[in-house]
Amino acid sequence: MKKSSHVLMVGSAVVVAALVVSAIAPFDRATWWMEVTPVLIVFPLLWLMRRGRRNFEFTRLVYVLICAHALVLIVGGAYSYARVPLGFWMQDFFGLTRNPYDKIGHFMQGFVPAMVARELMLRHKWVNGGHVASFVGICVALSVSLIYELIEWFAALMLGQGADEFLGTQGDVWDTQSDMLFALMGAGVAIIFLSAWHNRQIRQMTNGSRRGGW
């Protein structure tokens, strides 16, 4: 079994277990559904991609990042973002005025899509060169953040006060702008610090090499 397949299998098992546990008694059932829906869509899609005509697999690094992002979403859905215990600890430790866990979610919303898009660009040769792929990755991450903010706006219009737990604004009138800023920061950090590592794993997959580990 390829290492990337092994990572996807183990990661999927962990994510499914987290989904089951989080579904037992979430703070708000509607919020839970809205937060975990991306997970319910993405993981079946990842497995379908492996079984498709081209049998596409992502690198081990990207699979790990996708699983980590899924866990962030699941925890946020279980507690609602404004009530996640880790966020309360961060609020006390840094002397913040609000629970910042939702900013972790938006940071990951930029961090992970940027790497996914970068890999698709390079592996399918849709662009020439890693720098172009990195730039496109950041643009895709910002587009994902924009679309998510539009979904939140639509949810607010449709649900009124019932959307508060999903939005997690905690009274911050600039929450939308700061959410997108954190997504941009996440995308930038991912590209700056992970591109070289990512390139090595792409070369290993392209060359069919199993040496070199992570």
N, C-alpha and C. Protein backbone atom coordinates (compact mmCIF):
# COMPACT_ATOMS: atom_id res chain seq x y z
N MET A 1 0.85 -1.20 0.00
CA MET A 1 0.00 0.00 0.00
C MET A 1 0.88 1.25 0.00
N LYS A 2 0.56 2.22 -0.84
CA LYS A 2 1.31 3.46 -0.86
C LYS A 2 1.15 4.20 0.45
N LYS A 3 2.20 4.96 0.81
CA LYS A 3 2.16 5.71 2.05
C LYS A 3 1.03 6.72 2.06
N SER A 4 0.76 7.36 0.91
CA SER A 4 -0.31 8.34 0.85
C SER A 4 -1.67 7.68 1.10
N SER A 5 -1.86 6.47 0.57
CA SER A 5 -3.10 5.74 0.81
C SER A 5 -3.26 5.39 2.27
N HIS A 6 -2.14 5.01 2.89
CA HIS A 6 -2.17 4.68 4.31
C HIS A 6 -2.57 5.90 5.14
N VAL A 7 -2.00 7.06 4.79
CA VAL A 7 -2.33 8.29 5.51
C VAL A 7 -3.80 8.63 5.35
N LEU A 8 -4.34 8.49 4.15
CA LEU A 8 -5.75 8.78 3.93
C LEU A 8 -6.64 7.81 4.70
N MET A 9 -6.25 6.54 4.75
CA MET A 9 -7.06 5.56 5.46
C MET A 9 -7.09 5.84 6.96
N VAL A 10 -5.92 6.08 7.55
CA VAL A 10 -5.85 6.37 8.98
C VAL A 10 -6.54 7.69 9.29
N GLY A 11 -6.29 8.70 8.47
CA GLY A 11 -6.92 10.00 8.68
C GLY A 11 -8.43 9.93 8.58
N SER A 12 -8.93 9.16 7.63
CA SER A 12 -10.38 9.02 7.47
C SER A 12 -10.99 8.34 8.69
N ALA A 13 -10.29 7.33 9.23
CA ALA A 13 -10.79 6.64 10.43
C ALA A 13 -10.87 7.60 11.61
N VAL A 14 -9.84 8.44 11.77
CA VAL A 14 -9.84 9.40 12.87
C VAL A 14 -10.97 10.41 12.69
N VAL A 15 -11.15 10.89 11.48
CA VAL A 15 -12.20 11.89 11.20
C VAL A 15 -13.58 11.30 11.42
N VAL A 16 -13.81 10.07 10.97
CA VAL A 16 -15.11 9.43 11.17
C VAL A 16 -15.38 9.25 12.66
N ALA A 17 -14.37 8.83 13.43
CA ALA A 17 -14.54 8.67 14.87
C ALA A 17 -14.89 10.01 15.52
N ALA A 18 -14.20 11.07 15.09
CA ALA A 18 -14.50 12.40 15.63
C ALA A 18 -15.90 12.85 15.26
N LEU A 19 -16.34 12.55 14.05
CA LEU A 19 -17.70 12.88 13.64
C LEU A 19 -18.73 12.19 14.51
N VAL A 20 -18.52 10.91 14.76
CA VAL A 20 -19.47 10.14 15.57
C VAL A 20 -19.55 10.71 16.98
N VAL A 21 -18.41 10.95 17.58
CA VAL A 21 -18.39 11.48 18.95
C VAL A 21 -19.04 12.86 19.00
N SER A 22 -18.71 13.72 18.04
CA SER A 22 -19.25 15.08 18.04
C SER A 22 -20.75 15.11 17.79
N ALA A 23 -21.27 14.08 17.13
CA ALA A 23 -22.70 14.05 16.79
C ALA A 23 -23.57 13.61 17.96
N ILE A 24 -22.96 13.08 19.02
CA ILE A 24 -23.75 12.53 20.13
C ILE A 24 -24.56 13.62 20.83
N ALA A 25 -23.89 14.70 21.21
CA ALA A 25 -24.61 15.77 21.91
C ALA A 25 -23.97 17.12 21.61
N PRO A 26 -24.05 17.59 20.36
CA PRO A 26 -23.47 18.90 20.03
C PRO A 26 -24.24 20.02 20.72
N PHE A 27 -23.58 21.16 20.85
CA PHE A 27 -24.23 22.30 21.50
C PHE A 27 -25.48 22.71 20.75
N ASP A 28 -25.40 22.74 19.44
CA ASP A 28 -26.55 23.10 18.61
C ASP A 28 -26.53 22.22 17.37
N ARG A 29 -27.58 21.42 17.19
CA ARG A 29 -27.58 20.43 16.11
C ARG A 29 -27.49 21.08 14.73
N ALA A 30 -28.20 22.18 14.52
CA ALA A 30 -28.17 22.84 13.21
C ALA A 30 -26.77 23.37 12.91
N THR A 31 -26.12 23.96 13.93
CA THR A 31 -24.75 24.45 13.75
C THR A 31 -23.81 23.31 13.42
N TRP A 32 -23.99 22.19 14.11
CA TRP A 32 -23.15 21.02 13.85
C TRP A 32 -23.25 20.59 12.39
N TRP A 33 -24.46 20.51 11.88
CA TRP A 33 -24.64 20.11 10.48
C TRP A 33 -23.97 21.09 9.53
N MET A 34 -24.14 22.39 9.78
CA MET A 34 -23.56 23.38 8.88
C MET A 34 -22.04 23.34 8.90
N GLU A 35 -21.46 23.07 10.07
CA GLU A 35 -20.00 23.08 10.17
C GLU A 35 -19.37 21.82 9.60
N VAL A 36 -20.02 20.67 9.76
CA VAL A 36 -19.40 19.41 9.32
C VAL A 36 -19.76 19.04 7.89
N THR A 37 -20.68 19.77 7.28
CA THR A 37 -21.05 19.46 5.89
C THR A 37 -19.85 19.43 4.94
N PRO A 38 -18.91 20.39 5.02
CA PRO A 38 -17.74 20.28 4.14
C PRO A 38 -16.98 18.98 4.32
N VAL A 39 -16.90 18.49 5.55
CA VAL A 39 -16.20 17.22 5.82
C VAL A 39 -16.94 16.07 5.16
N LEU A 40 -18.26 16.09 5.26
CA LEU A 40 -19.07 15.02 4.68
C LEU A 40 -18.99 15.01 3.15
N ILE A 41 -18.65 16.14 2.57
CA ILE A 41 -18.51 16.23 1.11
C ILE A 41 -17.09 15.86 0.66
N VAL A 42 -16.10 16.40 1.36
CA VAL A 42 -14.71 16.27 0.91
C VAL A 42 -14.17 14.86 1.01
N PHE A 43 -14.44 14.17 2.13
CA PHE A 43 -13.81 12.85 2.30
C PHE A 43 -14.33 11.80 1.33
N PRO A 44 -15.64 11.71 1.09
CA PRO A 44 -16.06 10.80 0.01
C PRO A 44 -15.45 11.17 -1.34
N LEU A 45 -15.30 12.48 -1.59
CA LEU A 45 -14.70 12.93 -2.85
C LEU A 45 -13.24 12.47 -2.95
N LEU A 46 -12.50 12.54 -1.84
CA LEU A 46 -11.11 12.08 -1.85
C LEU A 46 -11.01 10.60 -2.22
N TRP A 47 -11.92 9.80 -1.68
CA TRP A 47 -11.90 8.37 -1.99
C TRP A 47 -12.35 8.11 -3.43
N LEU A 48 -13.31 8.89 -3.91
CA LEU A 48 -13.74 8.73 -5.30
C LEU A 48 -12.63 9.10 -6.27
N MET A 49 -11.85 10.09 -5.93
CA MET A 49 -10.73 10.48 -6.79
C MET A 49 -9.72 9.35 -6.92
N ARG A 50 -9.53 8.59 -5.86
CA ARG A 50 -8.59 7.47 -5.91
C ARG A 50 -9.10 6.35 -6.80
N ARG A 51 -10.41 6.24 -6.94
CA ARG A 51 -10.99 5.15 -7.72
C ARG A 51 -11.40 5.60 -9.12
N GLY A 52 -11.15 6.84 -9.44
CA GLY A 52 -11.52 7.33 -10.75
C GLY A 52 -10.61 6.82 -11.84
N ARG A 53 -10.87 7.27 -13.04
CA ARG A 53 -10.10 6.80 -14.20
C ARG A 53 -8.62 7.12 -14.06
N ARG A 54 -8.30 8.24 -13.45
CA ARG A 54 -6.90 8.63 -13.31
C ARG A 54 -6.31 8.22 -11.97
N ASN A 55 -7.12 7.71 -11.06
CA ASN A 55 -6.64 7.20 -9.77
C ASN A 55 -5.74 8.23 -9.09
N PHE A 56 -6.27 9.43 -8.87
CA PHE A 56 -5.46 10.53 -8.34
C PHE A 56 -5.37 10.44 -6.82
N GLU A 57 -4.14 10.54 -6.31
CA GLU A 57 -3.90 10.62 -4.88
C GLU A 57 -3.08 11.86 -4.57
N PHE A 58 -3.43 12.54 -3.49
CA PHE A 58 -2.65 13.67 -3.05
C PHE A 58 -1.41 13.18 -2.30
N THR A 59 -0.50 14.09 -2.04
CA THR A 59 0.67 13.76 -1.25
C THR A 59 0.26 13.51 0.20
N ARG A 60 1.16 12.87 0.94
CA ARG A 60 0.88 12.59 2.35
C ARG A 60 0.68 13.89 3.13
N LEU A 61 1.49 14.90 2.80
CA LEU A 61 1.38 16.18 3.49
C LEU A 61 -0.01 16.77 3.33
N VAL A 62 -0.53 16.80 2.12
CA VAL A 62 -1.84 17.40 1.88
C VAL A 62 -2.94 16.59 2.55
N TYR A 63 -2.84 15.27 2.54
CA TYR A 63 -3.84 14.46 3.23
C TYR A 63 -3.86 14.77 4.73
N VAL A 64 -2.69 14.92 5.33
CA VAL A 64 -2.62 15.24 6.76
C VAL A 64 -3.26 16.60 7.02
N LEU A 65 -2.97 17.57 6.17
CA LEU A 65 -3.54 18.90 6.35
C LEU A 65 -5.06 18.89 6.21
N ILE A 66 -5.58 18.14 5.25
CA ILE A 66 -7.03 18.04 5.07
C ILE A 66 -7.68 17.43 6.31
N CYS A 67 -7.05 16.38 6.86
CA CYS A 67 -7.60 15.74 8.07
C CYS A 67 -7.57 16.70 9.26
N ALA A 68 -6.48 17.46 9.38
CA ALA A 68 -6.39 18.43 10.47
C ALA A 68 -7.47 19.50 10.35
N HIS A 69 -7.70 19.97 9.13
CA HIS A 69 -8.75 20.97 8.90
C HIS A 69 -10.12 20.39 9.25
N ALA A 70 -10.34 19.13 8.89
CA ALA A 70 -11.62 18.48 9.20
C ALA A 70 -11.85 18.43 10.70
N LEU A 71 -10.81 18.13 11.47
CA LEU A 71 -10.95 18.06 12.92
C LEU A 71 -11.26 19.43 13.52
N VAL A 72 -10.65 20.47 12.96
CA VAL A 72 -10.96 21.83 13.42
C VAL A 72 -12.43 22.15 13.20
N LEU A 73 -12.97 21.78 12.04
CA LEU A 73 -14.38 22.02 11.73
C LEU A 73 -15.29 21.21 12.65
N ILE A 74 -14.92 19.96 12.89
CA ILE A 74 -15.75 19.08 13.73
C ILE A 74 -15.82 19.60 15.16
N VAL A 75 -14.68 20.02 15.70
CA VAL A 75 -14.67 20.56 17.07
C VAL A 75 -15.51 21.83 17.13
N GLY A 76 -15.37 22.69 16.13
CA GLY A 76 -16.18 23.91 16.08
C GLY A 76 -17.65 23.61 15.98
N GLY A 77 -18.01 22.57 15.24
CA GLY A 77 -19.42 22.19 15.13
C GLY A 77 -19.97 21.61 16.42
N ALA A 78 -19.14 20.86 17.14
CA ALA A 78 -19.60 20.22 18.37
C ALA A 78 -19.88 21.23 19.48
N TYR A 79 -18.98 22.19 19.64
CA TYR A 79 -19.12 23.16 20.74
C TYR A 79 -19.78 24.46 20.30
N SER A 80 -19.75 24.77 19.02
CA SER A 80 -19.95 26.08 18.40
C SER A 80 -18.67 26.86 18.65
N TYR A 81 -18.24 27.62 17.66
CA TYR A 81 -16.92 28.23 17.70
C TYR A 81 -16.70 29.13 18.91
N ALA A 82 -17.73 29.81 19.35
CA ALA A 82 -17.57 30.74 20.47
C ALA A 82 -17.45 30.04 21.81
N ARG A 83 -17.59 28.70 21.86
CA ARG A 83 -17.58 27.97 23.13
C ARG A 83 -16.55 26.85 23.18
N VAL A 84 -15.65 26.80 22.22
CA VAL A 84 -14.63 25.75 22.22
C VAL A 84 -13.67 25.99 23.39
N PRO A 85 -13.44 24.97 24.24
CA PRO A 85 -12.56 25.14 25.40
C PRO A 85 -11.16 25.64 25.06
N LEU A 86 -10.56 25.15 23.97
CA LEU A 86 -9.24 25.64 23.58
C LEU A 86 -9.27 27.14 23.35
N GLY A 87 -10.35 27.63 22.76
CA GLY A 87 -10.46 29.06 22.52
C GLY A 87 -10.54 29.85 23.82
N PHE A 88 -11.24 29.32 24.83
CA PHE A 88 -11.31 30.01 26.13
C PHE A 88 -9.92 30.06 26.78
N TRP A 89 -9.16 28.95 26.64
CA TRP A 89 -7.80 28.95 27.18
C TRP A 89 -6.95 30.01 26.49
N MET A 90 -7.06 30.10 25.17
CA MET A 90 -6.31 31.11 24.41
C MET A 90 -6.76 32.52 24.80
N GLN A 91 -8.05 32.68 25.02
CA GLN A 91 -8.57 33.99 25.41
C GLN A 91 -7.97 34.44 26.73
N ASP A 92 -7.90 33.52 27.72
CA ASP A 92 -7.32 33.86 29.02
C ASP A 92 -5.81 34.06 28.92
N PHE A 93 -5.15 33.20 28.17
CA PHE A 93 -3.68 33.25 28.11
C PHE A 93 -3.19 34.53 27.45
N PHE A 94 -3.87 34.93 26.35
CA PHE A 94 -3.43 36.11 25.61
C PHE A 94 -4.17 37.38 26.01
N GLY A 95 -5.11 37.28 26.96
CA GLY A 95 -5.85 38.44 27.42
C GLY A 95 -6.76 39.02 26.36
N LEU A 96 -7.42 38.15 25.59
CA LEU A 96 -8.29 38.59 24.51
C LEU A 96 -9.69 38.88 25.03
N THR A 97 -10.47 39.59 24.23
CA THR A 97 -11.82 39.95 24.64
C THR A 97 -12.86 38.95 24.13
N ARG A 98 -12.44 37.97 23.32
CA ARG A 98 -13.38 37.01 22.75
C ARG A 98 -12.69 35.68 22.54
N ASN A 99 -13.48 34.64 22.40
CA ASN A 99 -12.94 33.32 22.09
C ASN A 99 -12.43 33.33 20.65
N PRO A 100 -11.13 33.06 20.43
CA PRO A 100 -10.55 33.21 19.08
C PRO A 100 -10.54 31.91 18.27
N TYR A 101 -11.24 30.87 18.72
CA TYR A 101 -11.14 29.59 18.01
C TYR A 101 -11.58 29.70 16.56
N ASP A 102 -12.57 30.57 16.28
CA ASP A 102 -13.03 30.69 14.89
C ASP A 102 -11.92 31.21 13.99
N LYS A 103 -10.97 31.97 14.56
CA LYS A 103 -9.85 32.47 13.74
C LYS A 103 -8.92 31.32 13.37
N ILE A 104 -8.82 30.31 14.23
CA ILE A 104 -8.06 29.11 13.86
C ILE A 104 -8.72 28.46 12.66
N GLY A 105 -10.05 28.39 12.69
CA GLY A 105 -10.78 27.80 11.58
C GLY A 105 -10.55 28.56 10.28
N HIS A 106 -10.54 29.87 10.34
CA HIS A 106 -10.34 30.66 9.12
C HIS A 106 -8.88 30.65 8.67
N PHE A 107 -7.96 30.56 9.62
CA PHE A 107 -6.56 30.39 9.26
C PHE A 107 -6.38 29.08 8.47
N MET A 108 -7.00 28.00 8.96
CA MET A 108 -6.93 26.72 8.26
C MET A 108 -7.67 26.79 6.93
N GLN A 109 -8.69 27.63 6.85
CA GLN A 109 -9.45 27.79 5.60
C GLN A 109 -8.58 28.38 4.50
N GLY A 110 -7.54 29.07 4.86
CA GLY A 110 -6.58 29.53 3.87
C GLY A 110 -5.40 28.59 3.73
N PHE A 111 -4.93 28.07 4.85
CA PHE A 111 -3.75 27.20 4.90
C PHE A 111 -3.92 25.95 4.04
N VAL A 112 -5.03 25.26 4.21
CA VAL A 112 -5.22 23.97 3.53
C VAL A 112 -5.62 24.12 2.06
N PRO A 113 -6.63 24.92 1.72
CA PRO A 113 -6.97 25.06 0.30
C PRO A 113 -5.81 25.56 -0.56
N ALA A 114 -4.94 26.40 0.01
CA ALA A 114 -3.79 26.88 -0.76
C ALA A 114 -2.88 25.72 -1.17
N MET A 115 -2.67 24.77 -0.26
CA MET A 115 -1.80 23.63 -0.56
C MET A 115 -2.49 22.65 -1.50
N VAL A 116 -3.79 22.46 -1.32
CA VAL A 116 -4.54 21.58 -2.22
C VAL A 116 -4.49 22.12 -3.64
N ALA A 117 -4.78 23.42 -3.78
CA ALA A 117 -4.77 24.04 -5.11
C ALA A 117 -3.37 24.00 -5.71
N ARG A 118 -2.37 24.24 -4.90
CA ARG A 118 -0.99 24.21 -5.39
C ARG A 118 -0.64 22.84 -5.95
N GLU A 119 -1.05 21.80 -5.25
CA GLU A 119 -0.74 20.46 -5.73
C GLU A 119 -1.48 20.14 -7.03
N LEU A 120 -2.73 20.51 -7.10
CA LEU A 120 -3.48 20.26 -8.34
C LEU A 120 -2.86 20.99 -9.51
N MET A 121 -2.45 22.24 -9.29
CA MET A 121 -1.81 23.02 -10.35
C MET A 121 -0.54 22.33 -10.87
N LEU A 122 0.30 21.86 -9.93
CA LEU A 122 1.58 21.27 -10.31
C LEU A 122 1.42 19.86 -10.87
N ARG A 123 0.60 19.05 -10.22
CA ARG A 123 0.49 17.65 -10.63
C ARG A 123 -0.18 17.52 -12.00
N HIS A 124 -1.18 18.38 -12.27
CA HIS A 124 -1.87 18.33 -13.56
C HIS A 124 -1.22 19.23 -14.61
N LYS A 125 -0.14 19.93 -14.18
CA LYS A 125 0.59 20.83 -15.09
C LYS A 125 -0.32 21.89 -15.69
N TRP A 126 -1.23 22.42 -14.86
CA TRP A 126 -2.10 23.49 -15.32
C TRP A 126 -1.36 24.82 -15.38
N VAL A 127 -0.26 24.92 -14.66
CA VAL A 127 0.57 26.12 -14.70
C VAL A 127 2.03 25.67 -14.82
N ASN A 128 2.88 26.60 -15.20
CA ASN A 128 4.30 26.31 -15.31
C ASN A 128 5.05 26.95 -14.15
N GLY A 129 5.63 26.12 -13.31
CA GLY A 129 6.46 26.65 -12.24
C GLY A 129 5.78 26.70 -10.89
N GLY A 130 6.57 26.44 -9.84
CA GLY A 130 6.05 26.42 -8.48
C GLY A 130 5.59 27.77 -7.99
N HIS A 131 6.26 28.86 -8.44
CA HIS A 131 5.87 30.19 -7.98
C HIS A 131 4.48 30.56 -8.49
N VAL A 132 4.18 30.22 -9.72
CA VAL A 132 2.85 30.49 -10.26
C VAL A 132 1.81 29.65 -9.52
N ALA A 133 2.14 28.38 -9.27
CA ALA A 133 1.22 27.49 -8.56
C ALA A 133 0.95 28.03 -7.15
N SER A 134 1.99 28.56 -6.51
CA SER A 134 1.83 29.12 -5.16
C SER A 134 0.92 30.35 -5.18
N PHE A 135 1.13 31.21 -6.17
CA PHE A 135 0.28 32.41 -6.30
C PHE A 135 -1.17 32.01 -6.53
N VAL A 136 -1.39 31.06 -7.43
CA VAL A 136 -2.76 30.61 -7.70
C VAL A 136 -3.35 29.97 -6.45
N GLY A 137 -2.52 29.23 -5.70
CA GLY A 137 -3.00 28.62 -4.46
C GLY A 137 -3.53 29.65 -3.48
N ILE A 138 -2.79 30.76 -3.34
CA ILE A 138 -3.25 31.83 -2.45
C ILE A 138 -4.56 32.44 -2.96
N CYS A 139 -4.65 32.64 -4.28
CA CYS A 139 -5.88 33.18 -4.86
C CYS A 139 -7.06 32.25 -4.63
N VAL A 140 -6.84 30.95 -4.78
CA VAL A 140 -7.92 29.98 -4.54
C VAL A 140 -8.34 30.02 -3.08
N ALA A 141 -7.37 30.09 -2.17
CA ALA A 141 -7.70 30.14 -0.74
C ALA A 141 -8.56 31.36 -0.43
N LEU A 142 -8.22 32.50 -1.00
CA LEU A 142 -9.02 33.71 -0.78
C LEU A 142 -10.41 33.57 -1.39
N SER A 143 -10.51 32.89 -2.53
CA SER A 143 -11.82 32.66 -3.15
C SER A 143 -12.68 31.77 -2.27
N VAL A 144 -12.06 30.73 -1.69
CA VAL A 144 -12.79 29.85 -0.77
C VAL A 144 -13.29 30.64 0.43
N SER A 145 -12.44 31.51 0.97
CA SER A 145 -12.84 32.34 2.11
C SER A 145 -13.99 33.26 1.74
N LEU A 146 -13.91 33.87 0.56
CA LEU A 146 -14.99 34.75 0.09
C LEU A 146 -16.30 34.00 -0.04
N ILE A 147 -16.25 32.82 -0.65
CA ILE A 147 -17.47 32.03 -0.84
C ILE A 147 -18.07 31.65 0.51
N TYR A 148 -17.21 31.29 1.46
CA TYR A 148 -17.70 30.92 2.79
C TYR A 148 -18.36 32.10 3.49
N GLU A 149 -17.77 33.28 3.35
CA GLU A 149 -18.38 34.46 3.95
C GLU A 149 -19.73 34.78 3.32
N LEU A 150 -19.87 34.55 2.02
CA LEU A 150 -21.15 34.76 1.35
C LEU A 150 -22.18 33.75 1.86
N ILE A 151 -21.74 32.51 2.10
CA ILE A 151 -22.64 31.49 2.66
C ILE A 151 -23.09 31.92 4.04
N GLU A 152 -22.16 32.44 4.86
CA GLU A 152 -22.53 32.91 6.20
C GLU A 152 -23.53 34.07 6.11
N TRP A 153 -23.32 34.96 5.17
CA TRP A 153 -24.25 36.08 4.98
C TRP A 153 -25.63 35.55 4.60
N PHE A 154 -25.68 34.58 3.69
CA PHE A 154 -26.96 34.01 3.28
C PHE A 154 -27.63 33.31 4.46
N ALA A 155 -26.84 32.60 5.28
CA ALA A 155 -27.39 31.93 6.46
C ALA A 155 -27.97 32.94 7.44
N ALA A 156 -27.27 34.08 7.59
CA ALA A 156 -27.76 35.12 8.49
C ALA A 156 -29.09 35.69 8.00
N LEU A 157 -29.22 35.87 6.69
CA LEU A 157 -30.47 36.39 6.13
C LEU A 157 -31.62 35.40 6.30
N MET A 158 -31.32 34.12 6.11
CA MET A 158 -32.36 33.10 6.16
C MET A 158 -32.76 32.73 7.58
N LEU A 159 -31.76 32.67 8.49
CA LEU A 159 -32.02 32.18 9.84
C LEU A 159 -32.14 33.27 10.89
N GLY A 160 -31.75 34.48 10.54
CA GLY A 160 -31.85 35.57 11.51
C GLY A 160 -30.97 35.30 12.72
N GLN A 161 -31.50 35.47 13.91
CA GLN A 161 -30.73 35.25 15.13
C GLN A 161 -30.29 33.81 15.28
N GLY A 162 -30.98 32.89 14.62
CA GLY A 162 -30.60 31.48 14.71
C GLY A 162 -29.27 31.17 14.08
N ALA A 163 -28.73 32.11 13.32
CA ALA A 163 -27.44 31.88 12.67
C ALA A 163 -26.26 32.33 13.52
N ASP A 164 -26.51 32.87 14.70
CA ASP A 164 -25.43 33.43 15.52
C ASP A 164 -24.36 32.40 15.85
N GLU A 165 -24.79 31.18 16.21
CA GLU A 165 -23.81 30.17 16.58
C GLU A 165 -22.95 29.77 15.38
N PHE A 166 -23.54 29.74 14.21
CA PHE A 166 -22.80 29.39 12.99
C PHE A 166 -21.84 30.50 12.61
N LEU A 167 -22.29 31.76 12.73
CA LEU A 167 -21.45 32.89 12.34
C LEU A 167 -20.30 33.09 13.31
N GLY A 168 -20.55 32.95 14.60
CA GLY A 168 -19.50 33.11 15.60
C GLY A 168 -18.89 34.50 15.65
N THR A 169 -19.66 35.53 15.33
CA THR A 169 -19.11 36.88 15.28
C THR A 169 -18.80 37.43 16.67
N GLN A 170 -19.54 37.00 17.68
CA GLN A 170 -19.34 37.44 19.07
C GLN A 170 -19.34 38.96 19.19
N GLY A 171 -20.20 39.59 18.40
CA GLY A 171 -20.36 41.03 18.48
C GLY A 171 -19.32 41.85 17.73
N ASP A 172 -18.45 41.20 16.98
CA ASP A 172 -17.39 41.91 16.24
C ASP A 172 -17.93 42.35 14.88
N VAL A 173 -18.04 43.66 14.68
CA VAL A 173 -18.61 44.18 13.43
C VAL A 173 -17.66 43.97 12.26
N TRP A 174 -16.38 43.77 12.54
CA TRP A 174 -15.37 43.54 11.49
C TRP A 174 -15.02 42.07 11.37
N ASP A 175 -15.88 41.20 11.83
CA ASP A 175 -15.56 39.77 11.84
C ASP A 175 -15.32 39.22 10.43
N THR A 176 -16.12 39.64 9.47
CA THR A 176 -15.95 39.14 8.09
C THR A 176 -14.58 39.52 7.54
N GLN A 177 -14.18 40.76 7.75
CA GLN A 177 -12.90 41.21 7.23
C GLN A 177 -11.74 40.49 7.91
N SER A 178 -11.83 40.33 9.23
CA SER A 178 -10.74 39.65 9.93
C SER A 178 -10.69 38.17 9.58
N ASP A 179 -11.85 37.57 9.31
CA ASP A 179 -11.86 36.17 8.88
C ASP A 179 -11.08 36.00 7.58
N MET A 180 -11.31 36.89 6.64
CA MET A 180 -10.62 36.80 5.36
C MET A 180 -9.13 37.10 5.51
N LEU A 181 -8.79 38.01 6.43
CA LEU A 181 -7.38 38.29 6.70
C LEU A 181 -6.68 37.05 7.24
N PHE A 182 -7.33 36.35 8.16
CA PHE A 182 -6.72 35.14 8.72
C PHE A 182 -6.59 34.05 7.66
N ALA A 183 -7.54 33.98 6.74
CA ALA A 183 -7.41 33.02 5.64
C ALA A 183 -6.21 33.37 4.77
N LEU A 184 -6.02 34.65 4.48
CA LEU A 184 -4.87 35.09 3.70
C LEU A 184 -3.57 34.79 4.43
N MET A 185 -3.55 35.03 5.74
CA MET A 185 -2.37 34.72 6.53
C MET A 185 -2.07 33.22 6.49
N GLY A 186 -3.12 32.41 6.63
CA GLY A 186 -2.92 30.96 6.59
C GLY A 186 -2.35 30.50 5.27
N ALA A 187 -2.88 31.04 4.17
CA ALA A 187 -2.38 30.67 2.85
C ALA A 187 -0.92 31.08 2.69
N GLY A 188 -0.59 32.29 3.14
CA GLY A 188 0.78 32.76 3.02
C GLY A 188 1.76 31.94 3.84
N VAL A 189 1.38 31.61 5.06
CA VAL A 189 2.25 30.79 5.93
C VAL A 189 2.47 29.42 5.31
N ALA A 190 1.41 28.82 4.78
CA ALA A 190 1.54 27.50 4.16
C ALA A 190 2.50 27.53 2.99
N ILE A 191 2.35 28.52 2.12
CA ILE A 191 3.20 28.61 0.93
C ILE A 191 4.65 28.86 1.32
N ILE A 192 4.87 29.75 2.27
CA ILE A 192 6.24 30.11 2.65
C ILE A 192 6.97 28.95 3.32
N PHE A 193 6.30 28.26 4.23
CA PHE A 193 6.99 27.27 5.05
C PHE A 193 6.87 25.83 4.56
N LEU A 194 5.90 25.54 3.70
CA LEU A 194 5.69 24.16 3.29
C LEU A 194 6.00 23.86 1.83
N SER A 195 6.26 24.88 1.03
CA SER A 195 6.43 24.66 -0.41
C SER A 195 7.58 23.70 -0.72
N ALA A 196 8.73 23.89 -0.06
CA ALA A 196 9.88 23.02 -0.34
C ALA A 196 9.57 21.58 0.03
N TRP A 197 8.99 21.38 1.18
CA TRP A 197 8.58 20.04 1.63
C TRP A 197 7.57 19.44 0.66
N HIS A 198 6.62 20.26 0.26
CA HIS A 198 5.58 19.84 -0.67
C HIS A 198 6.20 19.42 -2.01
N ASN A 199 7.15 20.21 -2.48
CA ASN A 199 7.80 19.90 -3.76
C ASN A 199 8.50 18.54 -3.71
N ARG A 200 9.16 18.25 -2.60
CA ARG A 200 9.84 16.95 -2.47
C ARG A 200 8.86 15.80 -2.56
N GLN A 201 7.72 15.93 -1.89
CA GLN A 201 6.75 14.85 -1.93
C GLN A 201 6.12 14.71 -3.31
N ILE A 202 5.90 15.81 -3.99
CA ILE A 202 5.37 15.74 -5.36
C ILE A 202 6.37 15.04 -6.28
N ARG A 203 7.66 15.35 -6.12
CA ARG A 203 8.67 14.69 -6.94
C ARG A 203 8.71 13.19 -6.66
N GLN A 204 8.58 12.81 -5.39
CA GLN A 204 8.57 11.40 -5.04
C GLN A 204 7.40 10.68 -5.69
N MET A 205 6.23 11.31 -5.67
CA MET A 205 5.06 10.68 -6.29
C MET A 205 5.19 10.64 -7.81
N THR A 206 5.70 11.70 -8.38
CA THR A 206 5.86 11.76 -9.83
C THR A 206 6.87 10.74 -10.33
N ASN A 207 7.94 10.56 -9.56
CA ASN A 207 9.00 9.63 -9.96
C ASN A 207 8.75 8.21 -9.48
N GLY A 208 7.67 8.02 -8.72
CA GLY A 208 7.35 6.69 -8.20
C GLY A 208 8.30 6.24 -7.12
N SER A 209 8.96 7.21 -6.47
CA SER A 209 9.93 6.87 -5.43
C SER A 209 9.25 6.74 -4.09
N ARG A 210 9.67 5.74 -3.31
CA ARG A 210 9.17 5.56 -1.95
C ARG A 210 10.23 5.88 -0.92
N ARG A 211 11.33 6.42 -1.37
CA ARG A 211 12.39 6.74 -0.43
C ARG A 211 12.21 8.16 0.09
N GLY A 212 12.86 8.41 1.21
CA GLY A 212 12.89 9.78 1.72
C GLY A 212 11.86 10.07 2.79
N GLY A 213 10.90 9.16 3.02
CA GLY A 213 9.92 9.39 4.09
C GLY A 213 9.18 10.68 3.90
N TRP A 214 9.06 11.45 4.99
CA TRP A 214 8.38 12.74 4.92
C TRP A 214 9.32 13.79 4.34
